[in-house]
Amino acid sequence: MHIPFQDLPESSRVWIYQCNRTFSEQEQVLVKQKLETFLENWSAHGIPLQAGYEIPYNRFIVIAVNTATQAPTGCAIDASVRLIQELEADFKVDLLDRMNVSFKSGAFVAYKNLIDFKKMIKDKSVSASTIVFNNLVTNKAEYQNHWEVPMDQSWHSRYLK
């Protein structure tokens, strides 16, 4: 059952999918429609999942599920991944490659593959204070408080050495 993201408890599990580019306004409308349709019907063993989404920076898809009412099963999670794969095909974007890094570059969100990002660190094009997106957060509270963090406070810090 689709509910507004802000109404989900902080303990809700989250999945973050970063896009290799910004969605256009028209694409955002279509992505929202597909997400809402999917979430309205998403269930685990026939029990509706309370779930919501956000599309921050018109570039990330964040899906959250209230695990206190019903935890998603492996089949339910697989169904959500199939939806993300559909979105990748429909909009010719990359949403599932975890070997890429998104970070803030001034007012913009930049996206680089990990090899290029490491080179940027070496060349001092980015620093410990560069804001990165920690897509490994697991619940809504972490997402709200530790998703956008300086690189030295994220898993990305291992590349600063």
N, C-alpha and C. Protein backbone atom coordinates (compact mmCIF):
# COMPACT_ATOMS: atom_id res chain seq x y z
N MET A 1 0.86 -1.16 0.00
CA MET A 1 0.00 0.00 0.00
C MET A 1 0.91 1.23 0.00
N HIS A 2 0.68 2.09 -0.95
CA HIS A 2 1.49 3.30 -1.08
C HIS A 2 1.05 4.34 -0.06
N ILE A 3 1.99 4.80 0.75
CA ILE A 3 1.72 5.89 1.68
C ILE A 3 2.82 6.94 1.51
N PRO A 4 2.56 8.18 1.88
CA PRO A 4 3.57 9.22 1.73
C PRO A 4 4.86 8.86 2.49
N PHE A 5 5.98 9.09 1.86
CA PHE A 5 7.28 8.77 2.44
C PHE A 5 7.43 9.37 3.83
N GLN A 6 7.03 10.64 3.98
CA GLN A 6 7.21 11.32 5.27
C GLN A 6 6.39 10.68 6.39
N ASP A 7 5.37 9.89 6.05
CA ASP A 7 4.54 9.24 7.07
C ASP A 7 5.11 7.91 7.56
N LEU A 8 6.15 7.44 6.91
CA LEU A 8 6.76 6.17 7.32
C LEU A 8 7.63 6.39 8.56
N PRO A 9 7.67 5.41 9.47
CA PRO A 9 8.51 5.56 10.66
C PRO A 9 10.00 5.54 10.31
N GLU A 10 10.80 6.11 11.21
CA GLU A 10 12.24 6.18 10.98
C GLU A 10 12.90 4.81 10.89
N SER A 11 12.26 3.80 11.44
CA SER A 11 12.81 2.44 11.40
C SER A 11 12.59 1.75 10.05
N SER A 12 11.85 2.38 9.16
CA SER A 12 11.55 1.77 7.86
C SER A 12 12.83 1.45 7.10
N ARG A 13 12.84 0.30 6.47
CA ARG A 13 13.99 -0.10 5.65
C ARG A 13 14.00 0.70 4.35
N VAL A 14 15.19 1.10 3.92
CA VAL A 14 15.28 1.85 2.67
C VAL A 14 16.24 1.18 1.69
N TRP A 15 15.94 1.41 0.42
CA TRP A 15 16.82 1.04 -0.68
C TRP A 15 17.01 2.30 -1.51
N ILE A 16 18.25 2.57 -1.88
CA ILE A 16 18.55 3.77 -2.65
C ILE A 16 19.17 3.36 -3.97
N TYR A 17 18.59 3.86 -5.04
CA TYR A 17 19.09 3.60 -6.39
C TYR A 17 19.51 4.93 -6.98
N GLN A 18 20.78 5.04 -7.34
CA GLN A 18 21.27 6.29 -7.91
C GLN A 18 21.28 6.18 -9.43
N CYS A 19 20.86 7.24 -10.05
CA CYS A 19 20.78 7.29 -11.50
C CYS A 19 22.04 7.94 -12.06
N ASN A 20 22.45 7.49 -13.22
CA ASN A 20 23.64 8.05 -13.84
C ASN A 20 23.39 9.42 -14.48
N ARG A 21 22.15 9.87 -14.41
CA ARG A 21 21.82 11.21 -14.91
C ARG A 21 20.54 11.68 -14.23
N THR A 22 20.24 12.95 -14.38
CA THR A 22 19.01 13.50 -13.82
C THR A 22 17.83 13.09 -14.69
N PHE A 23 16.72 12.75 -14.06
CA PHE A 23 15.50 12.46 -14.81
C PHE A 23 14.91 13.79 -15.29
N SER A 24 14.43 13.80 -16.53
CA SER A 24 13.74 14.99 -17.04
C SER A 24 12.41 15.13 -16.31
N GLU A 25 11.77 16.29 -16.45
CA GLU A 25 10.47 16.49 -15.80
C GLU A 25 9.45 15.47 -16.28
N GLN A 26 9.44 15.21 -17.57
CA GLN A 26 8.50 14.24 -18.13
C GLN A 26 8.80 12.84 -17.60
N GLU A 27 10.09 12.48 -17.52
CA GLU A 27 10.47 11.18 -17.00
C GLU A 27 10.08 11.05 -15.53
N GLN A 28 10.23 12.11 -14.76
CA GLN A 28 9.86 12.08 -13.34
C GLN A 28 8.39 11.74 -13.17
N VAL A 29 7.55 12.32 -13.99
CA VAL A 29 6.11 12.04 -13.92
C VAL A 29 5.87 10.55 -14.15
N LEU A 30 6.52 10.00 -15.17
CA LEU A 30 6.33 8.59 -15.49
C LEU A 30 6.92 7.67 -14.43
N VAL A 31 8.09 8.04 -13.90
CA VAL A 31 8.71 7.25 -12.83
C VAL A 31 7.80 7.24 -11.61
N LYS A 32 7.26 8.40 -11.24
CA LYS A 32 6.35 8.48 -10.09
C LYS A 32 5.12 7.61 -10.30
N GLN A 33 4.56 7.65 -11.51
CA GLN A 33 3.38 6.82 -11.79
C GLN A 33 3.69 5.34 -11.62
N LYS A 34 4.83 4.91 -12.16
CA LYS A 34 5.20 3.49 -12.07
C LYS A 34 5.46 3.09 -10.62
N LEU A 35 6.14 3.96 -9.87
CA LEU A 35 6.43 3.66 -8.47
C LEU A 35 5.13 3.57 -7.66
N GLU A 36 4.24 4.52 -7.86
CA GLU A 36 2.99 4.53 -7.10
C GLU A 36 2.14 3.31 -7.42
N THR A 37 2.06 2.95 -8.67
CA THR A 37 1.30 1.75 -9.06
C THR A 37 1.91 0.51 -8.43
N PHE A 38 3.23 0.41 -8.51
CA PHE A 38 3.90 -0.75 -7.92
C PHE A 38 3.68 -0.80 -6.41
N LEU A 39 3.93 0.31 -5.72
CA LEU A 39 3.84 0.31 -4.26
C LEU A 39 2.40 0.09 -3.78
N GLU A 40 1.44 0.54 -4.55
CA GLU A 40 0.04 0.34 -4.16
C GLU A 40 -0.31 -1.14 -4.13
N ASN A 41 0.38 -1.92 -4.94
CA ASN A 41 0.07 -3.35 -5.05
C ASN A 41 1.15 -4.25 -4.45
N TRP A 42 2.20 -3.68 -3.89
CA TRP A 42 3.33 -4.45 -3.37
C TRP A 42 2.92 -5.19 -2.11
N SER A 43 3.23 -6.47 -2.06
CA SER A 43 2.86 -7.27 -0.89
C SER A 43 3.90 -8.35 -0.64
N ALA A 44 3.82 -8.91 0.55
CA ALA A 44 4.65 -10.05 0.93
C ALA A 44 3.73 -11.14 1.43
N HIS A 45 3.69 -12.24 0.72
CA HIS A 45 2.79 -13.36 1.06
C HIS A 45 1.35 -12.89 1.18
N GLY A 46 0.95 -12.00 0.27
CA GLY A 46 -0.42 -11.53 0.23
C GLY A 46 -0.74 -10.41 1.20
N ILE A 47 0.21 -10.04 2.04
CA ILE A 47 -0.02 -8.95 3.00
C ILE A 47 0.57 -7.66 2.42
N PRO A 48 -0.25 -6.62 2.28
CA PRO A 48 0.24 -5.37 1.69
C PRO A 48 1.41 -4.79 2.50
N LEU A 49 2.39 -4.26 1.78
CA LEU A 49 3.52 -3.58 2.41
C LEU A 49 3.22 -2.09 2.47
N GLN A 50 3.45 -1.48 3.62
CA GLN A 50 3.34 -0.02 3.72
C GLN A 50 4.64 0.55 3.19
N ALA A 51 4.57 1.21 2.06
CA ALA A 51 5.79 1.68 1.40
C ALA A 51 5.59 3.04 0.76
N GLY A 52 6.66 3.77 0.69
CA GLY A 52 6.66 5.08 0.05
C GLY A 52 7.97 5.29 -0.69
N TYR A 53 8.07 6.41 -1.35
CA TYR A 53 9.27 6.69 -2.13
C TYR A 53 9.54 8.19 -2.16
N GLU A 54 10.75 8.53 -2.53
CA GLU A 54 11.17 9.89 -2.84
C GLU A 54 12.08 9.83 -4.06
N ILE A 55 12.19 10.95 -4.74
CA ILE A 55 13.13 11.06 -5.85
C ILE A 55 13.99 12.31 -5.62
N PRO A 56 14.90 12.24 -4.63
CA PRO A 56 15.71 13.42 -4.33
C PRO A 56 16.64 13.80 -5.48
N TYR A 57 16.79 15.10 -5.64
CA TYR A 57 17.64 15.68 -6.69
C TYR A 57 17.23 15.23 -8.09
N ASN A 58 16.05 14.68 -8.23
CA ASN A 58 15.56 14.16 -9.52
C ASN A 58 16.55 13.15 -10.09
N ARG A 59 17.27 12.48 -9.19
CA ARG A 59 18.37 11.63 -9.62
C ARG A 59 18.47 10.31 -8.86
N PHE A 60 17.85 10.23 -7.72
CA PHE A 60 17.87 9.02 -6.89
C PHE A 60 16.44 8.53 -6.72
N ILE A 61 16.30 7.23 -6.59
CA ILE A 61 15.01 6.66 -6.22
C ILE A 61 15.22 6.02 -4.85
N VAL A 62 14.45 6.49 -3.87
CA VAL A 62 14.54 5.95 -2.51
C VAL A 62 13.19 5.31 -2.21
N ILE A 63 13.23 4.02 -1.93
CA ILE A 63 12.03 3.27 -1.57
C ILE A 63 12.16 2.87 -0.11
N ALA A 64 11.10 3.09 0.66
CA ALA A 64 11.10 2.72 2.08
C ALA A 64 9.90 1.84 2.39
N VAL A 65 10.10 0.88 3.30
CA VAL A 65 9.05 -0.04 3.72
C VAL A 65 8.98 -0.06 5.24
N ASN A 66 7.78 0.07 5.76
CA ASN A 66 7.55 -0.02 7.20
C ASN A 66 7.62 -1.49 7.59
N THR A 67 8.77 -1.90 8.11
CA THR A 67 8.96 -3.30 8.48
C THR A 67 8.27 -3.67 9.78
N ALA A 68 7.78 -2.67 10.51
CA ALA A 68 7.06 -2.96 11.76
C ALA A 68 5.69 -3.58 11.48
N THR A 69 5.11 -3.27 10.34
CA THR A 69 3.80 -3.84 10.01
C THR A 69 3.93 -5.13 9.20
N GLN A 70 4.90 -5.19 8.30
CA GLN A 70 5.14 -6.39 7.51
C GLN A 70 6.51 -6.23 6.84
N ALA A 71 7.38 -7.18 7.07
CA ALA A 71 8.70 -7.15 6.43
C ALA A 71 8.59 -7.69 5.00
N PRO A 72 9.34 -7.10 4.09
CA PRO A 72 9.33 -7.62 2.72
C PRO A 72 10.07 -8.96 2.66
N THR A 73 9.55 -9.87 1.91
CA THR A 73 10.18 -11.17 1.73
C THR A 73 11.14 -11.10 0.55
N GLY A 74 11.89 -12.18 0.36
CA GLY A 74 12.80 -12.23 -0.78
C GLY A 74 12.07 -12.03 -2.10
N CYS A 75 10.90 -12.62 -2.23
CA CYS A 75 10.12 -12.46 -3.47
C CYS A 75 9.67 -11.01 -3.66
N ALA A 76 9.29 -10.36 -2.55
CA ALA A 76 8.86 -8.96 -2.64
C ALA A 76 10.04 -8.07 -3.02
N ILE A 77 11.20 -8.33 -2.45
CA ILE A 77 12.39 -7.55 -2.80
C ILE A 77 12.76 -7.79 -4.26
N ASP A 78 12.68 -9.04 -4.70
CA ASP A 78 12.94 -9.35 -6.11
C ASP A 78 12.00 -8.58 -7.03
N ALA A 79 10.75 -8.47 -6.63
CA ALA A 79 9.77 -7.72 -7.44
C ALA A 79 10.16 -6.25 -7.54
N SER A 80 10.67 -5.68 -6.44
CA SER A 80 11.08 -4.27 -6.50
C SER A 80 12.30 -4.09 -7.39
N VAL A 81 13.21 -5.06 -7.38
CA VAL A 81 14.38 -4.99 -8.25
C VAL A 81 13.95 -5.09 -9.72
N ARG A 82 12.96 -5.94 -10.00
CA ARG A 82 12.44 -6.03 -11.38
C ARG A 82 11.86 -4.69 -11.82
N LEU A 83 11.18 -3.99 -10.91
CA LEU A 83 10.66 -2.66 -11.23
C LEU A 83 11.83 -1.71 -11.59
N ILE A 84 12.87 -1.73 -10.79
CA ILE A 84 14.03 -0.87 -11.06
C ILE A 84 14.66 -1.24 -12.40
N GLN A 85 14.73 -2.52 -12.71
CA GLN A 85 15.26 -2.95 -14.01
C GLN A 85 14.38 -2.45 -15.16
N GLU A 86 13.05 -2.47 -14.93
CA GLU A 86 12.13 -1.91 -15.93
C GLU A 86 12.39 -0.44 -16.16
N LEU A 87 12.58 0.30 -15.07
CA LEU A 87 12.86 1.73 -15.19
C LEU A 87 14.16 1.96 -15.94
N GLU A 88 15.16 1.12 -15.67
CA GLU A 88 16.42 1.24 -16.41
C GLU A 88 16.19 1.08 -17.91
N ALA A 89 15.42 0.08 -18.27
CA ALA A 89 15.15 -0.18 -19.69
C ALA A 89 14.28 0.92 -20.30
N ASP A 90 13.25 1.33 -19.58
CA ASP A 90 12.33 2.35 -20.11
C ASP A 90 13.02 3.68 -20.37
N PHE A 91 13.93 4.06 -19.47
CA PHE A 91 14.53 5.40 -19.56
C PHE A 91 15.99 5.38 -19.96
N LYS A 92 16.49 4.18 -20.27
CA LYS A 92 17.87 4.02 -20.71
C LYS A 92 18.84 4.68 -19.73
N VAL A 93 18.70 4.28 -18.46
CA VAL A 93 19.54 4.79 -17.38
C VAL A 93 20.15 3.63 -16.61
N ASP A 94 21.11 3.94 -15.78
CA ASP A 94 21.75 2.97 -14.92
C ASP A 94 21.33 3.28 -13.49
N LEU A 95 20.67 2.33 -12.83
CA LEU A 95 20.22 2.51 -11.45
C LEU A 95 20.79 1.45 -10.49
N LEU A 96 21.34 0.39 -11.02
CA LEU A 96 21.74 -0.74 -10.17
C LEU A 96 23.25 -0.91 -10.01
N ASP A 97 24.05 -0.15 -10.71
CA ASP A 97 25.50 -0.32 -10.64
C ASP A 97 26.03 0.34 -9.37
N ARG A 98 26.41 -0.46 -8.41
CA ARG A 98 26.89 0.05 -7.11
C ARG A 98 28.37 0.47 -7.17
N MET A 99 29.01 0.33 -8.31
CA MET A 99 30.41 0.71 -8.42
C MET A 99 30.57 2.14 -8.93
N ASN A 100 29.57 2.94 -8.72
CA ASN A 100 29.61 4.35 -9.09
C ASN A 100 29.38 5.19 -7.85
N VAL A 101 29.84 6.42 -7.92
CA VAL A 101 29.77 7.32 -6.77
C VAL A 101 29.06 8.60 -7.18
N SER A 102 28.14 9.05 -6.35
CA SER A 102 27.50 10.35 -6.55
C SER A 102 27.98 11.27 -5.44
N PHE A 103 28.27 12.51 -5.81
CA PHE A 103 28.77 13.48 -4.84
C PHE A 103 28.36 14.87 -5.30
N LYS A 104 28.44 15.81 -4.37
CA LYS A 104 28.09 17.18 -4.71
C LYS A 104 29.32 17.90 -5.25
N SER A 105 29.07 18.59 -6.34
CA SER A 105 30.10 19.43 -6.95
C SER A 105 29.47 20.80 -7.09
N GLY A 106 29.69 21.63 -6.09
CA GLY A 106 28.99 22.92 -6.05
C GLY A 106 27.51 22.67 -5.84
N ALA A 107 26.69 23.25 -6.70
CA ALA A 107 25.24 23.09 -6.58
C ALA A 107 24.73 21.84 -7.31
N PHE A 108 25.61 21.12 -7.95
CA PHE A 108 25.22 19.98 -8.77
C PHE A 108 25.57 18.66 -8.12
N VAL A 109 24.87 17.61 -8.56
CA VAL A 109 25.20 16.26 -8.16
C VAL A 109 25.98 15.64 -9.32
N ALA A 110 27.19 15.20 -9.01
CA ALA A 110 28.05 14.57 -10.02
C ALA A 110 28.01 13.06 -9.83
N TYR A 111 28.31 12.35 -10.88
CA TYR A 111 28.26 10.89 -10.89
C TYR A 111 29.50 10.39 -11.62
N LYS A 112 30.28 9.58 -10.95
CA LYS A 112 31.51 9.05 -11.54
C LYS A 112 31.62 7.57 -11.22
N ASN A 113 32.31 6.83 -12.10
CA ASN A 113 32.61 5.46 -11.72
C ASN A 113 33.70 5.50 -10.66
N LEU A 114 33.81 4.44 -9.91
CA LEU A 114 34.70 4.41 -8.75
C LEU A 114 36.15 4.66 -9.14
N ILE A 115 36.59 4.15 -10.26
CA ILE A 115 37.98 4.36 -10.71
C ILE A 115 38.25 5.83 -10.94
N ASP A 116 37.34 6.52 -11.63
CA ASP A 116 37.52 7.96 -11.87
C ASP A 116 37.43 8.76 -10.57
N PHE A 117 36.57 8.32 -9.66
CA PHE A 117 36.44 9.01 -8.38
C PHE A 117 37.74 8.90 -7.58
N LYS A 118 38.35 7.71 -7.59
CA LYS A 118 39.63 7.53 -6.89
C LYS A 118 40.70 8.43 -7.50
N LYS A 119 40.67 8.59 -8.81
CA LYS A 119 41.63 9.49 -9.47
C LYS A 119 41.40 10.93 -9.03
N MET A 120 40.13 11.29 -8.88
CA MET A 120 39.80 12.64 -8.42
C MET A 120 40.33 12.88 -7.01
N ILE A 121 40.27 11.87 -6.17
CA ILE A 121 40.82 11.99 -4.82
C ILE A 121 42.33 12.19 -4.91
N LYS A 122 42.98 11.37 -5.70
CA LYS A 122 44.44 11.46 -5.86
C LYS A 122 44.85 12.82 -6.40
N ASP A 123 44.07 13.34 -7.36
CA ASP A 123 44.36 14.65 -7.97
C ASP A 123 43.88 15.82 -7.12
N LYS A 124 43.28 15.48 -5.97
CA LYS A 124 42.74 16.49 -5.04
C LYS A 124 41.62 17.34 -5.66
N SER A 125 40.89 16.73 -6.60
CA SER A 125 39.70 17.37 -7.17
C SER A 125 38.52 17.28 -6.22
N VAL A 126 38.57 16.29 -5.33
CA VAL A 126 37.61 16.15 -4.24
C VAL A 126 38.42 15.96 -2.97
N SER A 127 37.80 16.23 -1.83
CA SER A 127 38.53 16.16 -0.56
C SER A 127 37.69 15.46 0.49
N ALA A 128 38.26 15.37 1.68
CA ALA A 128 37.56 14.75 2.81
C ALA A 128 36.25 15.44 3.12
N SER A 129 36.14 16.72 2.78
CA SER A 129 34.92 17.48 3.08
C SER A 129 33.90 17.46 1.93
N THR A 130 34.24 16.84 0.82
CA THR A 130 33.30 16.72 -0.29
C THR A 130 32.08 15.92 0.17
N ILE A 131 30.90 16.43 -0.12
CA ILE A 131 29.66 15.74 0.28
C ILE A 131 29.41 14.59 -0.70
N VAL A 132 29.33 13.39 -0.12
CA VAL A 132 29.03 12.20 -0.91
C VAL A 132 27.68 11.64 -0.47
N PHE A 133 27.14 10.78 -1.29
CA PHE A 133 25.86 10.14 -0.99
C PHE A 133 26.15 8.70 -0.57
N ASN A 134 25.89 8.41 0.68
CA ASN A 134 26.14 7.10 1.25
C ASN A 134 24.91 6.22 1.03
N ASN A 135 24.87 5.56 -0.11
CA ASN A 135 23.71 4.75 -0.48
C ASN A 135 23.64 3.43 0.26
N LEU A 136 24.54 3.22 1.23
CA LEU A 136 24.52 2.00 2.03
C LEU A 136 23.67 2.13 3.29
N VAL A 137 23.07 3.30 3.51
CA VAL A 137 22.21 3.44 4.69
C VAL A 137 21.07 2.43 4.57
N THR A 138 20.58 1.97 5.72
CA THR A 138 19.61 0.87 5.68
C THR A 138 18.21 1.22 6.17
N ASN A 139 18.08 2.36 6.88
CA ASN A 139 16.74 2.72 7.34
C ASN A 139 16.50 4.22 7.14
N LYS A 140 15.27 4.62 7.35
CA LYS A 140 14.88 6.00 7.07
C LYS A 140 15.64 7.00 7.95
N ALA A 141 15.87 6.66 9.21
CA ALA A 141 16.61 7.56 10.11
C ALA A 141 18.03 7.77 9.59
N GLU A 142 18.70 6.69 9.19
CA GLU A 142 20.05 6.82 8.62
C GLU A 142 20.02 7.63 7.33
N TYR A 143 19.02 7.36 6.52
CA TYR A 143 18.88 8.10 5.26
C TYR A 143 18.75 9.60 5.54
N GLN A 144 17.93 9.96 6.50
CA GLN A 144 17.70 11.37 6.79
C GLN A 144 18.91 12.04 7.44
N ASN A 145 19.72 11.28 8.17
CA ASN A 145 20.82 11.88 8.93
C ASN A 145 22.22 11.57 8.41
N HIS A 146 22.37 10.50 7.63
CA HIS A 146 23.71 10.08 7.23
C HIS A 146 23.84 9.73 5.75
N TRP A 147 22.91 10.18 4.97
CA TRP A 147 22.98 9.89 3.53
C TRP A 147 23.91 10.88 2.84
N GLU A 148 23.72 12.15 3.08
CA GLU A 148 24.58 13.19 2.53
C GLU A 148 25.58 13.58 3.60
N VAL A 149 26.80 13.12 3.44
CA VAL A 149 27.81 13.35 4.47
C VAL A 149 29.15 13.70 3.84
N PRO A 150 30.02 14.38 4.60
CA PRO A 150 31.38 14.58 4.10
C PRO A 150 32.04 13.22 3.87
N MET A 151 32.88 13.16 2.87
CA MET A 151 33.49 11.89 2.50
C MET A 151 34.20 11.22 3.67
N ASP A 152 34.83 12.00 4.56
CA ASP A 152 35.55 11.39 5.67
C ASP A 152 34.62 10.77 6.72
N GLN A 153 33.30 10.92 6.56
CA GLN A 153 32.33 10.30 7.47
C GLN A 153 31.54 9.18 6.78
N SER A 154 32.04 8.73 5.65
CA SER A 154 31.34 7.72 4.86
C SER A 154 32.29 6.57 4.54
N TRP A 155 31.74 5.51 3.99
CA TRP A 155 32.56 4.40 3.54
C TRP A 155 33.57 4.85 2.49
N HIS A 156 33.29 5.96 1.81
CA HIS A 156 34.20 6.48 0.79
C HIS A 156 35.55 6.87 1.37
N SER A 157 35.60 7.09 2.70
CA SER A 157 36.83 7.57 3.34
C SER A 157 37.99 6.59 3.18
N ARG A 158 37.69 5.33 2.93
CA ARG A 158 38.78 4.34 2.76
C ARG A 158 39.69 4.72 1.59
N TYR A 159 39.21 5.54 0.67
CA TYR A 159 40.01 5.93 -0.49
C TYR A 159 40.85 7.19 -0.24
N LEU A 160 40.68 7.79 0.92
CA LEU A 160 41.44 9.00 1.25
C LEU A 160 42.87 8.67 1.68
N LYS A 161 43.13 7.43 2.01
CA LYS A 161 44.44 7.04 2.54
C LYS A 161 45.46 6.82 1.47
